[in-house]
PDB file of N, CA and C in Angstrom:
ATOM      1  N   MET A   1       1.694  -6.837  12.143  1.00  0.00           N
ATOM      2  CA  MET A   1       2.700  -6.237  12.017  1.00  0.00           C
ATOM      3  C   MET A   1       2.651  -4.419  12.252  1.00  0.00           C
ATOM      4  N   SER A   2       1.387  -3.830  12.050  1.00  0.00           N
ATOM      5  CA  SER A   2       1.226  -2.413  12.150  1.00  0.00           C
ATOM      6  C   SER A   2       1.447  -2.084  13.445  1.00  0.00           C
ATOM      7  N   ASP A   3       1.427  -2.834  14.628  1.00  0.00           N
ATOM      8  CA  ASP A   3       1.697  -2.580  15.661  1.00  0.00           C
ATOM      9  C   ASP A   3       3.265  -2.000  16.050  1.00  0.00           C
ATOM     10  N   THR A   4       4.228  -2.671  14.994  1.00  0.00           N
ATOM     11  CA  THR A   4       5.714  -2.646  15.409  1.00  0.00           C
ATOM     12  C   THR A   4       6.053  -1.174  14.198  1.00  0.00           C
ATOM     13  N   LEU A   5       5.239  -0.831  13.442  1.00  0.00           N
ATOM     14  CA  LEU A   5       5.705   0.130  12.430  1.00  0.00           C
ATOM     15  C   LEU A   5       5.508   1.567  13.198  1.00  0.00           C
ATOM     16  N   SER A   6       6.544   2.397  12.819  1.00  0.00           N
ATOM     17  CA  SER A   6       6.562   3.827  13.210  1.00  0.00           C
ATOM     18  C   SER A   6       5.222   4.285  12.681  1.00  0.00           C
ATOM     19  N   TYR A   7       4.487   5.440  13.318  1.00  0.00           N
ATOM     20  CA  TYR A   7       3.568   6.055  12.570  1.00  0.00           C
ATOM     21  C   TYR A   7       3.515   7.724  12.981  1.00  0.00           C
ATOM     22  N   LEU A   8       3.183   8.393  12.191  1.00  0.00           N
ATOM     23  CA  LEU A   8       2.944   9.661  12.647  1.00  0.00           C
ATOM     24  C   LEU A   8       1.510   9.915  13.040  1.00  0.00           C
ATOM     25  N   GLU A   9       1.227  10.820  13.966  1.00  0.00           N
ATOM     26  CA  GLU A   9      -0.354  11.372  14.013  1.00  0.00           C
ATOM     27  C   GLU A   9      -0.566  12.648  13.848  1.00  0.00           C
ATOM     28  N   ASN A  10      -1.384  13.141  13.138  1.00  0.00           N
ATOM     29  CA  ASN A  10      -1.552  14.512  12.879  1.00  0.00           C
ATOM     30  C   ASN A  10      -2.724  15.043  14.211  1.00  0.00           C
ATOM     31  N   GLU A  11      -2.845  16.200  14.186  1.00  0.00           N
ATOM     32  CA  GLU A  11      -3.874  17.098  15.160  1.00  0.00           C
ATOM     33  C   GLU A  11      -5.171  16.365  15.025  1.00  0.00           C
ATOM     34  N   ASP A  12      -5.473  15.865  13.656  1.00  0.00           N
ATOM     35  CA  ASP A  12      -6.881  15.256  13.346  1.00  0.00           C
ATOM     36  C   ASP A  12      -6.884  13.930  13.532  1.00  0.00           C
ATOM     37  N   GLY A  13      -6.103  13.236  14.374  1.00  0.00           N
ATOM     38  CA  GLY A  13      -5.983  11.957  14.451  1.00  0.00           C
ATOM     39  C   GLY A  13      -5.930  10.809  13.474  1.00  0.00           C
ATOM     40  N   LYS A  14      -5.332  11.525  12.363  1.00  0.00           N
ATOM     41  CA  LYS A  14      -4.930  10.658  11.128  1.00  0.00           C
ATOM     42  C   LYS A  14      -3.397  10.161  11.255  1.00  0.00           C
ATOM     43  N   PHE A  15      -3.349   9.082  10.591  1.00  0.00           N
ATOM     44  CA  PHE A  15      -2.060   8.438  10.405  1.00  0.00           C
ATOM     45  C   PHE A  15      -1.251   8.452   9.208  1.00  0.00           C
ATOM     46  N   ALA A  16      -0.141   8.707   9.301  1.00  0.00           N
ATOM     47  CA  ALA A  16       1.042   8.425   8.105  1.00  0.00           C
ATOM     48  C   ALA A  16       2.186   7.566   8.663  1.00  0.00           C
ATOM     49  N   ILE A  17       2.580   7.083   7.553  1.00  0.00           N
ATOM     50  CA  ILE A  17       4.064   6.339   7.811  1.00  0.00           C
ATOM     51  C   ILE A  17       5.286   7.100   7.193  1.00  0.00           C
ATOM     52  N   PRO A  18       6.055   7.175   8.332  1.00  0.00           N
ATOM     53  CA  PRO A  18       7.309   8.071   7.626  1.00  0.00           C
ATOM     54  C   PRO A  18       8.178   7.538   6.997  1.00  0.00           C
ATOM     55  N   CYS A  19       9.234   7.957   5.998  1.00  0.00           N
ATOM     56  CA  CYS A  19      10.007   7.285   5.459  1.00  0.00           C
ATOM     57  C   CYS A  19      11.063   6.840   6.363  1.00  0.00           C
ATOM     58  N   GLN A  20      11.542   5.844   6.301  1.00  0.00           N
ATOM     59  CA  GLN A  20      12.669   5.210   7.332  1.00  0.00           C
ATOM     60  C   GLN A  20      14.132   5.806   7.170  1.00  0.00           C
ATOM     61  N   ILE A  21      14.429   6.108   5.911  1.00  0.00           N
ATOM     62  CA  ILE A  21      15.824   6.607   6.080  1.00  0.00           C
ATOM     63  C   ILE A  21      16.123   7.887   5.357  1.00  0.00           C
ATOM     64  N   LYS A  22      15.403   8.649   4.642  1.00  0.00           N
ATOM     65  CA  LYS A  22      15.296  10.013   4.479  1.00  0.00           C
ATOM     66  C   LYS A  22      16.730  10.385   3.855  1.00  0.00           C
ATOM     67  N   ILE A  23      17.096   9.602   2.968  1.00  0.00           N
ATOM     68  CA  ILE A  23      18.573   9.940   2.231  1.00  0.00           C
ATOM     69  C   ILE A  23      18.512  10.650   0.944  1.00  0.00           C
ATOM     70  N   ALA A  24      17.175  10.510   0.075  1.00  0.00           N
ATOM     71  CA  ALA A  24      17.135  11.337  -1.052  1.00  0.00           C
ATOM     72  C   ALA A  24      16.678  12.823  -0.710  1.00  0.00           C
ATOM     73  N   GLU A  25      17.426  13.750  -1.798  1.00  0.00           N
ATOM     74  CA  GLU A  25      17.223  14.994  -1.655  1.00  0.00           C
ATOM     75  C   GLU A  25      15.686  15.172  -1.981  1.00  0.00           C
ATOM     76  N   ASP A  26      15.051  14.486  -2.514  1.00  0.00           N
ATOM     77  CA  ASP A  26      13.686  14.657  -2.825  1.00  0.00           C
ATOM     78  C   ASP A  26      12.961  13.528  -2.112  1.00  0.00           C
ATOM     79  N   CYS A  27      13.168  13.247  -1.116  1.00  0.00           N
ATOM     80  CA  CYS A  27      12.544  12.094  -0.176  1.00  0.00           C
ATOM     81  C   CYS A  27      11.152  12.774   0.146  1.00  0.00           C
ATOM     82  N   VAL A  28      10.071  11.898  -0.120  1.00  0.00           N
ATOM     83  CA  VAL A  28       8.841  12.674   0.548  1.00  0.00           C
ATOM     84  C   VAL A  28       8.503  12.771   1.825  1.00  0.00           C
ATOM     85  N   GLU A  29       9.438  12.164   2.808  1.00  0.00           N
ATOM     86  CA  GLU A  29       9.563  12.285   4.216  1.00  0.00           C
ATOM     87  C   GLU A  29       8.402  11.403   4.813  1.00  0.00           C
ATOM     88  N   GLN A  30       7.087  11.488   4.127  1.00  0.00           N
ATOM     89  CA  GLN A  30       5.954  10.520   4.887  1.00  0.00           C
ATOM     90  C   GLN A  30       4.951  10.207   3.777  1.00  0.00           C
ATOM     91  N   GLY A  31       4.111   9.122   4.051  1.00  0.00           N
ATOM     92  CA  GLY A  31       3.043   9.168   3.411  1.00  0.00           C
ATOM     93  C   GLY A  31       1.818   9.842   3.569  1.00  0.00           C
ATOM     94  N   GLU A  32       0.841   9.569   3.008  1.00  0.00           N
ATOM     95  CA  GLU A  32      -0.377  10.373   3.304  1.00  0.00           C
ATOM     96  C   GLU A  32      -0.950  10.370   4.581  1.00  0.00           C
ATOM     97  N   PHE A  33      -1.470  11.116   5.254  1.00  0.00           N
ATOM     98  CA  PHE A  33      -2.197  10.935   6.213  1.00  0.00           C
ATOM     99  C   PHE A  33      -3.740  10.269   5.848  1.00  0.00           C
ATOM    100  N   CYS A  34      -4.108   9.064   6.878  1.00  0.00           N
ATOM    101  CA  CYS A  34      -5.077   8.338   6.581  1.00  0.00           C
ATOM    102  C   CYS A  34      -5.675   7.974   7.768  1.00  0.00           C
ATOM    103  N   ASP A  35      -7.185   7.567   7.830  1.00  0.00           N
ATOM    104  CA  ASP A  35      -7.848   7.704   8.857  1.00  0.00           C
ATOM    105  C   ASP A  35      -7.463   6.579   9.914  1.00  0.00           C
ATOM    106  N   ASN A  36      -6.794   5.552   9.607  1.00  0.00           N
ATOM    107  CA  ASN A  36      -6.126   4.727  10.314  1.00  0.00           C
ATOM    108  C   ASN A  36      -4.902   4.167  10.035  1.00  0.00           C
ATOM    109  N   LYS A  37      -4.338   3.183  10.909  1.00  0.00           N
ATOM    110  CA  LYS A  37      -2.869   2.850  10.539  1.00  0.00           C
ATOM    111  C   LYS A  37      -2.885   1.747   9.417  1.00  0.00           C
ATOM    112  N   GLU A  38      -3.910   1.057   9.331  1.00  0.00           N
ATOM    113  CA  GLU A  38      -4.167   0.074   8.098  1.00  0.00           C
ATOM    114  C   GLU A  38      -4.004   0.762   6.687  1.00  0.00           C
ATOM    115  N   ASP A  39      -5.057   1.669   6.914  1.00  0.00           N
ATOM    116  CA  ASP A  39      -5.013   2.750   5.682  1.00  0.00           C
ATOM    117  C   ASP A  39      -3.841   3.231   5.108  1.00  0.00           C
ATOM    118  N   ALA A  40      -3.216   3.643   6.391  1.00  0.00           N
ATOM    119  CA  ALA A  40      -1.718   4.317   6.050  1.00  0.00           C
ATOM    120  C   ALA A  40      -0.557   3.362   5.253  1.00  0.00           C
ATOM    121  N   ARG A  41      -0.710   2.214   6.020  1.00  0.00           N
ATOM    122  CA  ARG A  41       0.184   1.143   5.408  1.00  0.00           C
ATOM    123  C   ARG A  41      -0.281   0.698   4.043  1.00  0.00           C
ATOM    124  N   ASP A  42      -1.513   0.703   3.782  1.00  0.00           N
ATOM    125  CA  ASP A  42      -2.062   0.232   2.474  1.00  0.00           C
ATOM    126  C   ASP A  42      -1.645   1.579   1.294  1.00  0.00           C
ATOM    127  N   PHE A  43      -1.379   2.859   1.887  1.00  0.00           N
ATOM    128  CA  PHE A  43      -1.359   3.728   0.920  1.00  0.00           C
ATOM    129  C   PHE A  43       0.124   3.738   0.451  1.00  0.00           C
ATOM    130  N   VAL A  44       1.250   3.496   1.526  1.00  0.00           N
ATOM    131  CA  VAL A  44       2.659   3.345   1.176  1.00  0.00           C
ATOM    132  C   VAL A  44       2.655   2.043   0.156  1.00  0.00           C
ATOM    133  N   GLU A  45       2.158   0.956   0.656  1.00  0.00           N
ATOM    134  CA  GLU A  45       2.298  -0.131  -0.422  1.00  0.00           C
ATOM    135  C   GLU A  45       1.746  -0.048  -1.748  1.00  0.00           C
ATOM    136  N   ALA A  46       0.494   0.650  -1.810  1.00  0.00           N
ATOM    137  CA  ALA A  46      -0.029   0.984  -3.046  1.00  0.00           C
ATOM    138  C   ALA A  46       1.079   2.077  -3.785  1.00  0.00           C
ATOM    139  N   ASP A  47       1.895   2.814  -3.299  1.00  0.00           N
ATOM    140  CA  ASP A  47       2.670   3.774  -3.528  1.00  0.00           C
ATOM    141  C   ASP A  47       4.160   3.063  -3.882  1.00  0.00           C
ATOM    142  N   CYS A  48       4.238   1.813  -3.679  1.00  0.00           N
ATOM    143  CA  CYS A  48       5.369   1.018  -4.132  1.00  0.00           C
ATOM    144  C   CYS A  48       6.429   1.454  -3.136  1.00  0.00           C
ATOM    145  N   TRP A  49       6.094   1.826  -1.896  1.00  0.00           N
ATOM    146  CA  TRP A  49       7.481   1.853  -0.941  1.00  0.00           C
ATOM    147  C   TRP A  49       8.009   0.630  -0.605  1.00  0.00           C
ATOM    148  N   ILE A  50       9.200   0.439  -0.190  1.00  0.00           N
ATOM    149  CA  ILE A  50       9.951  -0.763   0.082  1.00  0.00           C
ATOM    150  C   ILE A  50       9.920  -1.101   1.733  1.00  0.00           C
ATOM    151  N   PHE A  51       9.389  -2.324   1.860  1.00  0.00           N
ATOM    152  CA  PHE A  51       9.294  -2.731   3.536  1.00  0.00           C
ATOM    153  C   PHE A  51      10.858  -3.184   3.685  1.00  0.00           C
ATOM    154  N   SER A  52      11.472  -2.627   4.671  1.00  0.00           N
ATOM    155  CA  SER A  52      12.844  -3.247   4.918  1.00  0.00           C
ATOM    156  C   SER A  52      12.704  -4.058   6.277  1.00  0.00           C
ATOM    157  N   GLY A  53      11.744  -4.454   6.748  1.00  0.00           N
ATOM    158  CA  GLY A  53      11.522  -5.376   8.089  1.00  0.00           C
ATOM    159  C   GLY A  53      11.270  -4.709   9.351  1.00  0.00           C
ATOM    160  N   GLU A  54      11.629  -3.269   9.350  1.00  0.00           N
ATOM    161  CA  GLU A  54      11.272  -2.355  10.279  1.00  0.00           C
ATOM    162  C   GLU A  54      10.561  -1.260  10.086  1.00  0.00           C
ATOM    163  N   GLY A  55      10.307  -0.793   8.895  1.00  0.00           N
ATOM    164  CA  GLY A  55       9.785  -0.067   8.403  1.00  0.00           C
ATOM    165  C   GLY A  55       9.716   0.336   7.150  1.00  0.00           C
ATOM    166  N   TYR A  56       9.106   1.291   6.436  1.00  0.00           N
ATOM    167  CA  TYR A  56       9.175   1.548   5.005  1.00  0.00           C
ATOM    168  C   TYR A  56      10.028   2.496   4.508  1.00  0.00           C
ATOM    169  N   PHE A  57      10.471   2.575   3.252  1.00  0.00           N
ATOM    170  CA  PHE A  57      11.293   3.702   2.699  1.00  0.00           C
ATOM    171  C   PHE A  57      10.690   4.074   1.361  1.00  0.00           C
ATOM    172  N   CYS A  58      10.751   5.369   0.929  1.00  0.00           N
ATOM    173  CA  CYS A  58      10.018   5.557  -0.228  1.00  0.00           C
ATOM    174  C   CYS A  58      10.872   5.367  -1.555  1.00  0.00           C
ATOM    175  N   CYS A  59      10.314   5.761  -2.675  1.00  0.00           N
ATOM    176  CA  CYS A  59      10.827   5.127  -3.844  1.00  0.00           C
ATOM    177  C   CYS A  59      12.119   6.038  -4.297  1.00  0.00           C
ATOM    178  N   GLN A  60      12.109   7.178  -3.824  1.00  0.00           N
ATOM    179  CA  GLN A  60      13.113   8.075  -3.937  1.00  0.00           C
ATOM    180  C   GLN A  60      14.417   7.636  -3.480  1.00  0.00           C
ATOM    181  N   CYS A  61      13.993   7.323  -2.236  1.00  0.00           N
ATOM    182  CA  CYS A  61      15.363   6.904  -1.274  1.00  0.00           C
ATOM    183  C   CYS A  61      15.920   5.625  -1.853  1.00  0.00           C
ATOM    184  N   ASN A  62      14.961   4.581  -2.159  1.00  0.00           N
ATOM    185  CA  ASN A  62      15.407   3.438  -2.764  1.00  0.00           C
ATOM    186  C   ASN A  62      16.270   3.544  -3.901  1.00  0.00           C
ATOM    187  N   GLU A  63      15.889   4.511  -4.866  1.00  0.00           N
ATOM    188  CA  GLU A  63      16.544   4.847  -5.873  1.00  0.00           C
ATOM    189  C   GLU A  63      18.004   5.583  -5.751  1.00  0.00           C
ATOM    190  N   GLN A  64      18.119   6.248  -4.451  1.00  0.00           N
ATOM    191  CA  GLN A  64      19.351   7.046  -3.750  1.00  0.00           C
ATOM    192  C   GLN A  64      20.436   5.590  -3.305  1.00  0.00           C
ATOM    193  N   VAL A  65      19.675   4.783  -2.663  1.00  0.00           N
ATOM    194  CA  VAL A  65      20.622   3.416  -2.416  1.00  0.00           C
ATOM    195  C   VAL A  65      20.915   2.799  -3.428  1.00  0.00           C
ATOM    196  N   LEU A  66      20.168   2.423  -4.410  1.00  0.00           N
ATOM    197  CA  LEU A  66      20.778   1.859  -5.587  1.00  0.00           C
ATOM    198  C   LEU A  66      21.821   2.635  -6.193  1.00  0.00           C
ATOM    199  N   ARG A  67      21.867   3.899  -6.376  1.00  0.00           N
ATOM    200  CA  ARG A  67      22.677   4.975  -7.205  1.00  0.00           C
ATOM    201  C   ARG A  67      24.015   4.579  -6.035  1.00  0.00           C
ATOM    202  N   ASN A  68      23.850   4.795  -4.847  1.00  0.00           N
ATOM    203  CA  ASN A  68      25.216   4.861  -4.021  1.00  0.00           C
ATOM    204  C   ASN A  68      25.798   3.297  -4.135  1.00  0.00           C
ATOM    205  N   ILE A  69      25.004   2.036  -4.444  1.00  0.00           N
ATOM    206  CA  ILE A  69      25.711   0.700  -4.456  1.00  0.00           C
ATOM    207  C   ILE A  69      26.291   0.792  -5.787  1.00  0.00           C
ATOM    208  N   ALA A  70      25.732   1.594  -6.891  1.00  0.00           N
ATOM    209  CA  ALA A  70      26.197   1.349  -8.135  1.00  0.00           C
ATOM    210  C   ALA A  70      27.613   2.369  -8.112  1.00  0.00           C
ATOM    211  N   ASN A  71      27.618   3.358  -7.335  1.00  0.00           N
ATOM    212  CA  ASN A  71      29.011   4.328  -7.317  1.00  0.00           C
ATOM    213  C   ASN A  71      30.023   3.288  -6.372  1.00  0.00           C
ATOM    214  N   LEU A  72      29.584   2.505  -5.503  1.00  0.00           N
ATOM    215  CA  LEU A  72      30.591   1.721  -4.718  1.00  0.00           C
ATOM    216  C   LEU A  72      31.123   0.620  -5.768  1.00  0.00           C
ATOM    217  N   SER A  73      30.213  -0.051  -6.497  1.00  0.00           N
ATOM    218  CA  SER A  73      30.901  -0.810  -7.516  1.00  0.00           C
ATOM    219  C   SER A  73      31.599  -0.526  -8.434  1.00  0.00           C
ATOM    220  N   THR A  74      31.409   0.847  -8.908  1.00  0.00           N
ATOM    221  CA  THR A  74      32.229   1.485  -9.837  1.00  0.00           C
ATOM    222  C   THR A  74      33.568   1.900  -9.404  1.00  0.00           C
ATOM    223  N   LYS A  75      33.547   2.172  -8.103  1.00  0.00           N
ATOM    224  CA  LYS A  75      34.868   2.505  -7.505  1.00  0.00           C
ATOM    225  C   LYS A  75      35.556   1.235  -7.230  1.00  0.00           C
ATOM    226  N   LYS A  76      35.237   0.234  -6.795  1.00  0.00           N
ATOM    227  CA  LYS A  76      35.833  -0.826  -6.696  1.00  0.00           C
ATOM    228  C   LYS A  76      36.718  -1.547  -7.976  1.00  0.00           C
ATOM    229  N   MET A  77      36.021  -1.189  -9.262  1.00  0.00           N
ATOM    230  CA  MET A  77      36.505  -1.532 -10.369  1.00  0.00           C
ATOM    231  C   MET A  77      37.755  -0.752 -10.800  1.00  0.00           C
ATOM    232  N   ILE A  78      37.925   0.264 -10.176  1.00  0.00           N
ATOM    233  CA  ILE A  78      38.857   1.177 -10.802  1.00  0.00           C
ATOM    234  C   ILE A  78      40.049   0.763 -10.274  1.00  0.00           C
TER     235      ILE A  78
END
């Protein structure tokens, strides 16, 4: 799986996983930089990021998605 994920690499050769959707105002944008790709994936999983099948998105963006869905549901009821 780690070969298909998008990773960021810094100048020190460390890896981080970016947030896939970046829609929340307080989006963290990327996970912590780690020594290797597996550790970067472990970090976002331990931080409870959501795996979409194509990448991960942070908890803040997940909350924004849920708020958007709730707003749509409310508008349909009116």
